[in-house]
Amino acid sequence: MNRLLTAVVASTISLSAATAYAGGPVIIAEEPEVVAEAPASSVGILPLLLVGVVLCVALCGGSSNDRPREQLPPDV
């Protein structure tokens, strides 16, 4: 009976060991994240528009005198 028990235990161990390593070791390699960076020279259009508006306000501003303009008589 010991021979039969020894044969059953040996076959069980060999079958379970073979199925335990059937897939091989699992190695998980972490890949670094790729982050796209914006170029440092991108200004955008908003600052350019703001500069244009400020220049227009400064150069095209209304006159500070309150008297009405003189009207010239029509050439007839």
PDB file of N, CA and C in Angstrom:
ATOM      1  N   MET A   1       0.815  -1.176   0.000  1.00  0.00           N
ATOM      2  CA  MET A   1       0.000   0.000   0.000  1.00  0.00           C
ATOM      3  C   MET A   1       0.865   1.248   0.000  1.00  0.00           C
ATOM      4  N   ASN A   2       1.990   1.188   0.621  1.00  0.00           N
ATOM      5  CA  ASN A   2       2.881   2.336   0.620  1.00  0.00           C
ATOM      6  C   ASN A   2       3.375   2.649  -0.788  1.00  0.00           C
ATOM      7  N   ARG A   3       3.590   1.633  -1.602  1.00  0.00           N
ATOM      8  CA  ARG A   3       4.042   1.861  -2.988  1.00  0.00           C
ATOM      9  C   ARG A   3       2.971   2.582  -3.779  1.00  0.00           C
ATOM     10  N   LEU A   4       1.718   2.168  -3.584  1.00  0.00           N
ATOM     11  CA  LEU A   4       0.612   2.794  -4.300  1.00  0.00           C
ATOM     12  C   LEU A   4       0.437   4.239  -3.848  1.00  0.00           C
ATOM     13  N   LEU A   5       0.510   4.487  -2.570  1.00  0.00           N
ATOM     14  CA  LEU A   5       0.374   5.840  -2.034  1.00  0.00           C
ATOM     15  C   LEU A   5       1.527   6.723  -2.493  1.00  0.00           C
ATOM     16  N   THR A   6       2.715   6.197  -2.519  1.00  0.00           N
ATOM     17  CA  THR A   6       3.880   6.953  -2.972  1.00  0.00           C
ATOM     18  C   THR A   6       3.750   7.300  -4.449  1.00  0.00           C
ATOM     19  N   ALA A   7       3.257   6.396  -5.266  1.00  0.00           N
ATOM     20  CA  ALA A   7       3.082   6.645  -6.695  1.00  0.00           C
ATOM     21  C   ALA A   7       2.008   7.702  -6.932  1.00  0.00           C
ATOM     22  N   VAL A   8       0.932   7.666  -6.181  1.00  0.00           N
ATOM     23  CA  VAL A   8      -0.145   8.658  -6.331  1.00  0.00           C
ATOM     24  C   VAL A   8       0.350  10.029  -5.905  1.00  0.00           C
ATOM     25  N   VAL A   9       1.051  10.132  -4.809  1.00  0.00           N
ATOM     26  CA  VAL A   9       1.555  11.432  -4.332  1.00  0.00           C
ATOM     27  C   VAL A   9       2.579  11.985  -5.319  1.00  0.00           C
ATOM     28  N   ALA A  10       3.455  11.150  -5.847  1.00  0.00           N
ATOM     29  CA  ALA A  10       4.475  11.600  -6.797  1.00  0.00           C
ATOM     30  C   ALA A  10       3.827  12.088  -8.089  1.00  0.00           C
ATOM     31  N   SER A  11       2.823  11.380  -8.592  1.00  0.00           N
ATOM     32  CA  SER A  11       2.163  11.820  -9.830  1.00  0.00           C
ATOM     33  C   SER A  11       1.360  13.105  -9.589  1.00  0.00           C
ATOM     34  N   THR A  12       0.756  13.259  -8.435  1.00  0.00           N
ATOM     35  CA  THR A  12       0.006  14.479  -8.119  1.00  0.00           C
ATOM     36  C   THR A  12       0.942  15.676  -8.034  1.00  0.00           C
ATOM     37  N   ILE A  13       2.061  15.512  -7.391  1.00  0.00           N
ATOM     38  CA  ILE A  13       3.030  16.614  -7.274  1.00  0.00           C
ATOM     39  C   ILE A  13       3.577  16.988  -8.645  1.00  0.00           C
ATOM     40  N   SER A  14       3.885  16.001  -9.471  1.00  0.00           N
ATOM     41  CA  SER A  14       4.449  16.316 -10.791  1.00  0.00           C
ATOM     42  C   SER A  14       3.421  17.006 -11.691  1.00  0.00           C
ATOM     43  N   LEU A  15       2.164  16.605 -11.627  1.00  0.00           N
ATOM     44  CA  LEU A  15       1.130  17.252 -12.441  1.00  0.00           C
ATOM     45  C   LEU A  15       0.831  18.666 -11.946  1.00  0.00           C
ATOM     46  N   SER A  16       0.776  18.845 -10.630  1.00  0.00           N
ATOM     47  CA  SER A  16       0.468  20.176 -10.121  1.00  0.00           C
ATOM     48  C   SER A  16       1.635  21.132 -10.337  1.00  0.00           C
ATOM     49  N   ALA A  17       2.853  20.648 -10.262  1.00  0.00           N
ATOM     50  CA  ALA A  17       4.017  21.502 -10.501  1.00  0.00           C
ATOM     51  C   ALA A  17       4.077  21.916 -11.966  1.00  0.00           C
ATOM     52  N   ALA A  18       3.722  21.014 -12.863  1.00  0.00           N
ATOM     53  CA  ALA A  18       3.764  21.333 -14.291  1.00  0.00           C
ATOM     54  C   ALA A  18       2.697  22.372 -14.644  1.00  0.00           C
ATOM     55  N   THR A  19       1.532  22.257 -14.052  1.00  0.00           N
ATOM     56  CA  THR A  19       0.483  23.231 -14.365  1.00  0.00           C
ATOM     57  C   THR A  19       0.728  24.566 -13.664  1.00  0.00           C
ATOM     58  N   ALA A  20       1.442  24.576 -12.563  1.00  0.00           N
ATOM     59  CA  ALA A  20       1.721  25.824 -11.852  1.00  0.00           C
ATOM     60  C   ALA A  20       2.648  26.722 -12.656  1.00  0.00           C
ATOM     61  N   TYR A  21       3.578  26.152 -13.392  1.00  0.00           N
ATOM     62  CA  TYR A  21       4.541  26.938 -14.179  1.00  0.00           C
ATOM     63  C   TYR A  21       4.249  26.882 -15.672  1.00  0.00           C
ATOM     64  N   ALA A  22       3.036  26.571 -16.049  1.00  0.00           N
ATOM     65  CA  ALA A  22       2.709  26.417 -17.463  1.00  0.00           C
ATOM     66  C   ALA A  22       2.802  27.739 -18.208  1.00  0.00           C
ATOM     67  N   GLY A  23       2.403  28.831 -17.581  1.00  0.00           N
ATOM     68  CA  GLY A  23       2.412  30.124 -18.252  1.00  0.00           C
ATOM     69  C   GLY A  23       3.732  30.840 -18.142  1.00  0.00           C
ATOM     70  N   GLY A  24       4.610  30.391 -17.310  1.00  0.00           N
ATOM     71  CA  GLY A  24       5.880  31.059 -17.116  1.00  0.00           C
ATOM     72  C   GLY A  24       5.724  32.228 -16.156  1.00  0.00           C
ATOM     73  N   PRO A  25       6.825  32.845 -15.820  1.00  0.00           N
ATOM     74  CA  PRO A  25       6.745  33.975 -14.888  1.00  0.00           C
ATOM     75  C   PRO A  25       6.128  35.198 -15.574  1.00  0.00           C
ATOM     76  N   VAL A  26       5.368  35.947 -14.833  1.00  0.00           N
ATOM     77  CA  VAL A  26       4.731  37.145 -15.365  1.00  0.00           C
ATOM     78  C   VAL A  26       5.573  38.347 -14.964  1.00  0.00           C
ATOM     79  N   ILE A  27       6.104  39.048 -15.962  1.00  0.00           N
ATOM     80  CA  ILE A  27       6.932  40.222 -15.713  1.00  0.00           C
ATOM     81  C   ILE A  27       6.178  41.447 -16.233  1.00  0.00           C
ATOM     82  N   ILE A  28       5.891  42.375 -15.346  1.00  0.00           N
ATOM     83  CA  ILE A  28       5.179  43.590 -15.724  1.00  0.00           C
ATOM     84  C   ILE A  28       6.188  44.729 -15.767  1.00  0.00           C
ATOM     85  N   ALA A  29       6.430  45.220 -16.971  1.00  0.00           N
ATOM     86  CA  ALA A  29       7.373  46.321 -17.136  1.00  0.00           C
ATOM     87  C   ALA A  29       6.596  47.622 -17.240  1.00  0.00           C
ATOM     88  N   GLU A  30       6.947  48.585 -16.411  1.00  0.00           N
ATOM     89  CA  GLU A  30       6.272  49.875 -16.443  1.00  0.00           C
ATOM     90  C   GLU A  30       6.903  50.742 -17.529  1.00  0.00           C
ATOM     91  N   GLU A  31       6.054  51.265 -18.385  1.00  0.00           N
ATOM     92  CA  GLU A  31       6.542  52.141 -19.442  1.00  0.00           C
ATOM     93  C   GLU A  31       6.376  53.586 -19.001  1.00  0.00           C
ATOM     94  N   PRO A  32       7.354  54.425 -19.289  1.00  0.00           N
ATOM     95  CA  PRO A  32       7.227  55.832 -18.878  1.00  0.00           C
ATOM     96  C   PRO A  32       6.149  56.543 -19.688  1.00  0.00           C
ATOM     97  N   GLU A  33       5.464  57.477 -19.027  1.00  0.00           N
ATOM     98  CA  GLU A  33       4.417  58.238 -19.702  1.00  0.00           C
ATOM     99  C   GLU A  33       5.043  59.260 -20.641  1.00  0.00           C
ATOM    100  N   VAL A  34       4.480  59.355 -21.834  1.00  0.00           N
ATOM    101  CA  VAL A  34       4.968  60.318 -22.803  1.00  0.00           C
ATOM    102  C   VAL A  34       4.046  61.534 -22.747  1.00  0.00           C
ATOM    103  N   VAL A  35       4.611  62.685 -22.380  1.00  0.00           N
ATOM    104  CA  VAL A  35       3.833  63.917 -22.255  1.00  0.00           C
ATOM    105  C   VAL A  35       4.324  64.892 -23.308  1.00  0.00           C
ATOM    106  N   ALA A  36       3.398  65.329 -24.167  1.00  0.00           N
ATOM    107  CA  ALA A  36       3.767  66.293 -25.199  1.00  0.00           C
ATOM    108  C   ALA A  36       3.853  67.673 -24.575  1.00  0.00           C
ATOM    109  N   GLU A  37       4.987  68.325 -24.776  1.00  0.00           N
ATOM    110  CA  GLU A  37       5.181  69.654 -24.217  1.00  0.00           C
ATOM    111  C   GLU A  37       4.903  70.701 -25.281  1.00  0.00           C
ATOM    112  N   ALA A  38       4.306  71.793 -24.861  1.00  0.00           N
ATOM    113  CA  ALA A  38       4.041  72.891 -25.782  1.00  0.00           C
ATOM    114  C   ALA A  38       5.344  73.652 -26.026  1.00  0.00           C
ATOM    115  N   PRO A  39       5.543  74.140 -27.239  1.00  0.00           N
ATOM    116  CA  PRO A  39       6.766  74.897 -27.498  1.00  0.00           C
ATOM    117  C   PRO A  39       6.795  76.181 -26.660  1.00  0.00           C
ATOM    118  N   ALA A  40       7.976  76.574 -26.247  1.00  0.00           N
ATOM    119  CA  ALA A  40       8.116  77.726 -25.360  1.00  0.00           C
ATOM    120  C   ALA A  40       7.887  79.043 -26.091  1.00  0.00           C
ATOM    121  N   SER A  41       7.939  79.050 -27.419  1.00  0.00           N
ATOM    122  CA  SER A  41       7.822  80.300 -28.159  1.00  0.00           C
ATOM    123  C   SER A  41       6.400  80.603 -28.604  1.00  0.00           C
ATOM    124  N   SER A  42       5.424  79.825 -28.190  1.00  0.00           N
ATOM    125  CA  SER A  42       4.062  80.101 -28.609  1.00  0.00           C
ATOM    126  C   SER A  42       3.488  81.230 -27.761  1.00  0.00           C
ATOM    127  N   VAL A  43       3.135  82.337 -28.397  1.00  0.00           N
ATOM    128  CA  VAL A  43       2.639  83.500 -27.673  1.00  0.00           C
ATOM    129  C   VAL A  43       1.130  83.505 -27.659  1.00  0.00           C
ATOM    130  N   GLY A  44       0.514  83.224 -28.771  1.00  0.00           N
ATOM    131  CA  GLY A  44      -0.935  83.282 -28.861  1.00  0.00           C
ATOM    132  C   GLY A  44      -1.367  84.610 -29.441  1.00  0.00           C
ATOM    133  N   ILE A  45      -2.651  84.720 -29.756  1.00  0.00           N
ATOM    134  CA  ILE A  45      -3.143  85.921 -30.407  1.00  0.00           C
ATOM    135  C   ILE A  45      -3.723  86.923 -29.414  1.00  0.00           C
ATOM    136  N   LEU A  46      -4.119  86.481 -28.228  1.00  0.00           N
ATOM    137  CA  LEU A  46      -4.748  87.375 -27.270  1.00  0.00           C
ATOM    138  C   LEU A  46      -3.826  88.515 -26.809  1.00  0.00           C
ATOM    139  N   PRO A  47      -2.583  88.267 -26.455  1.00  0.00           N
ATOM    140  CA  PRO A  47      -1.717  89.392 -26.073  1.00  0.00           C
ATOM    141  C   PRO A  47      -1.512  90.386 -27.224  1.00  0.00           C
ATOM    142  N   LEU A  48      -1.444  89.900 -28.439  1.00  0.00           N
ATOM    143  CA  LEU A  48      -1.275  90.799 -29.581  1.00  0.00           C
ATOM    144  C   LEU A  48      -2.503  91.679 -29.762  1.00  0.00           C
ATOM    145  N   LEU A  49      -3.690  91.114 -29.579  1.00  0.00           N
ATOM    146  CA  LEU A  49      -4.912  91.912 -29.674  1.00  0.00           C
ATOM    147  C   LEU A  49      -4.987  92.956 -28.564  1.00  0.00           C
ATOM    148  N   LEU A  50      -4.592  92.569 -27.369  1.00  0.00           N
ATOM    149  CA  LEU A  50      -4.628  93.519 -26.258  1.00  0.00           C
ATOM    150  C   LEU A  50      -3.667  94.682 -26.487  1.00  0.00           C
ATOM    151  N   VAL A  51      -2.501  94.410 -27.025  1.00  0.00           N
ATOM    152  CA  VAL A  51      -1.547  95.474 -27.324  1.00  0.00           C
ATOM    153  C   VAL A  51      -2.128  96.404 -28.377  1.00  0.00           C
ATOM    154  N   GLY A  52      -2.779  95.867 -29.392  1.00  0.00           N
ATOM    155  CA  GLY A  52      -3.393  96.687 -30.427  1.00  0.00           C
ATOM    156  C   GLY A  52      -4.498  97.566 -29.880  1.00  0.00           C
ATOM    157  N   VAL A  53      -5.329  97.036 -29.001  1.00  0.00           N
ATOM    158  CA  VAL A  53      -6.425  97.820 -28.410  1.00  0.00           C
ATOM    159  C   VAL A  53      -5.870  98.936 -27.534  1.00  0.00           C
ATOM    160  N   VAL A  54      -4.853  98.649 -26.746  1.00  0.00           N
ATOM    161  CA  VAL A  54      -4.259  99.674 -25.877  1.00  0.00           C
ATOM    162  C   VAL A  54      -3.639 100.782 -26.709  1.00  0.00           C
ATOM    163  N   LEU A  55      -2.951 100.427 -27.795  1.00  0.00           N
ATOM    164  CA  LEU A  55      -2.362 101.449 -28.665  1.00  0.00           C
ATOM    165  C   LEU A  55      -3.436 102.292 -29.328  1.00  0.00           C
ATOM    166  N   CYS A  56      -4.517 101.675 -29.760  1.00  0.00           N
ATOM    167  CA  CYS A  56      -5.594 102.424 -30.404  1.00  0.00           C
ATOM    168  C   CYS A  56      -6.249 103.387 -29.422  1.00  0.00           C
ATOM    169  N   VAL A  57      -6.458 102.954 -28.198  1.00  0.00           N
ATOM    170  CA  VAL A  57      -7.058 103.827 -27.191  1.00  0.00           C
ATOM    171  C   VAL A  57      -6.126 104.995 -26.891  1.00  0.00           C
ATOM    172  N   ALA A  58      -4.843 104.730 -26.808  1.00  0.00           N
ATOM    173  CA  ALA A  58      -3.894 105.790 -26.480  1.00  0.00           C
ATOM    174  C   ALA A  58      -3.733 106.781 -27.634  1.00  0.00           C
ATOM    175  N   LEU A  59      -3.710 106.306 -28.869  1.00  0.00           N
ATOM    176  CA  LEU A  59      -3.446 107.188 -30.006  1.00  0.00           C
ATOM    177  C   LEU A  59      -4.707 107.771 -30.621  1.00  0.00           C
ATOM    178  N   CYS A  60      -5.814 107.080 -30.540  1.00  0.00           N
ATOM    179  CA  CYS A  60      -7.045 107.534 -31.178  1.00  0.00           C
ATOM    180  C   CYS A  60      -8.029 108.122 -30.182  1.00  0.00           C
ATOM    181  N   GLY A  61      -7.616 108.388 -28.978  1.00  0.00           N
ATOM    182  CA  GLY A  61      -8.522 108.886 -27.950  1.00  0.00           C
ATOM    183  C   GLY A  61      -9.141 110.219 -28.336  1.00  0.00           C
ATOM    184  N   GLY A  62     -10.273 110.523 -27.757  1.00  0.00           N
ATOM    185  CA  GLY A  62     -10.974 111.768 -28.060  1.00  0.00           C
ATOM    186  C   GLY A  62     -10.196 112.978 -27.560  1.00  0.00           C
ATOM    187  N   SER A  63     -10.557 114.136 -28.070  1.00  0.00           N
ATOM    188  CA  SER A  63      -9.871 115.359 -27.652  1.00  0.00           C
ATOM    189  C   SER A  63     -10.360 115.770 -26.270  1.00  0.00           C
ATOM    190  N   SER A  64      -9.563 116.539 -25.581  1.00  0.00           N
ATOM    191  CA  SER A  64      -9.917 116.922 -24.233  1.00  0.00           C
ATOM    192  C   SER A  64     -10.635 118.280 -24.170  1.00  0.00           C
ATOM    193  N   ASN A  65     -10.727 119.012 -25.301  1.00  0.00           N
ATOM    194  CA  ASN A  65     -11.417 120.302 -25.244  1.00  0.00           C
ATOM    195  C   ASN A  65     -12.916 120.107 -25.454  1.00  0.00           C
ATOM    196  N   ASP A  66     -13.710 120.918 -24.772  1.00  0.00           N
ATOM    197  CA  ASP A  66     -15.160 120.738 -24.780  1.00  0.00           C
ATOM    198  C   ASP A  66     -15.888 121.653 -25.765  1.00  0.00           C
ATOM    199  N   ARG A  67     -15.222 122.547 -26.411  1.00  0.00           N
ATOM    200  CA  ARG A  67     -15.919 123.455 -27.317  1.00  0.00           C
ATOM    201  C   ARG A  67     -16.201 122.756 -28.640  1.00  0.00           C
ATOM    202  N   PRO A  68     -17.306 123.096 -29.261  1.00  0.00           N
ATOM    203  CA  PRO A  68     -17.638 122.448 -30.545  1.00  0.00           C
ATOM    204  C   PRO A  68     -16.711 122.922 -31.664  1.00  0.00           C
ATOM    205  N   ARG A  69     -16.639 122.142 -32.687  1.00  0.00           N
ATOM    206  CA  ARG A  69     -15.789 122.474 -33.824  1.00  0.00           C
ATOM    207  C   ARG A  69     -16.408 123.612 -34.631  1.00  0.00           C
ATOM    208  N   GLU A  70     -15.561 124.372 -35.238  1.00  0.00           N
ATOM    209  CA  GLU A  70     -16.052 125.459 -36.084  1.00  0.00           C
ATOM    210  C   GLU A  70     -16.563 124.885 -37.394  1.00  0.00           C
ATOM    211  N   GLN A  71     -17.671 125.428 -37.844  1.00  0.00           N
ATOM    212  CA  GLN A  71     -18.211 124.970 -39.110  1.00  0.00           C
ATOM    213  C   GLN A  71     -17.883 126.022 -40.167  1.00  0.00           C
ATOM    214  N   LEU A  72     -17.351 125.577 -41.250  1.00  0.00           N
ATOM    215  CA  LEU A  72     -17.008 126.472 -42.346  1.00  0.00           C
ATOM    216  C   LEU A  72     -18.217 126.631 -43.261  1.00  0.00           C
ATOM    217  N   PRO A  73     -18.379 127.822 -43.831  1.00  0.00           N
ATOM    218  CA  PRO A  73     -19.494 127.999 -44.763  1.00  0.00           C
ATOM    219  C   PRO A  73     -19.261 127.179 -46.018  1.00  0.00           C
ATOM    220  N   PRO A  74     -20.305 126.664 -46.640  1.00  0.00           N
ATOM    221  CA  PRO A  74     -20.145 125.844 -47.845  1.00  0.00           C
ATOM    222  C   PRO A  74     -19.641 126.714 -49.010  1.00  0.00           C
ATOM    223  N   ASP A  75     -18.844 126.121 -49.865  1.00  0.00           N
ATOM    224  CA  ASP A  75     -18.327 126.827 -51.061  1.00  0.00           C
ATOM    225  C   ASP A  75     -19.397 126.781 -52.150  1.00  0.00           C
ATOM    226  N   VAL A  76     -19.959 127.925 -52.409  1.00  0.00           N
ATOM    227  CA  VAL A  76     -20.976 127.995 -53.481  1.00  0.00           C
ATOM    228  C   VAL A  76     -20.598 129.023 -54.483  1.00  0.00           C
TER     229      VAL A  76
END
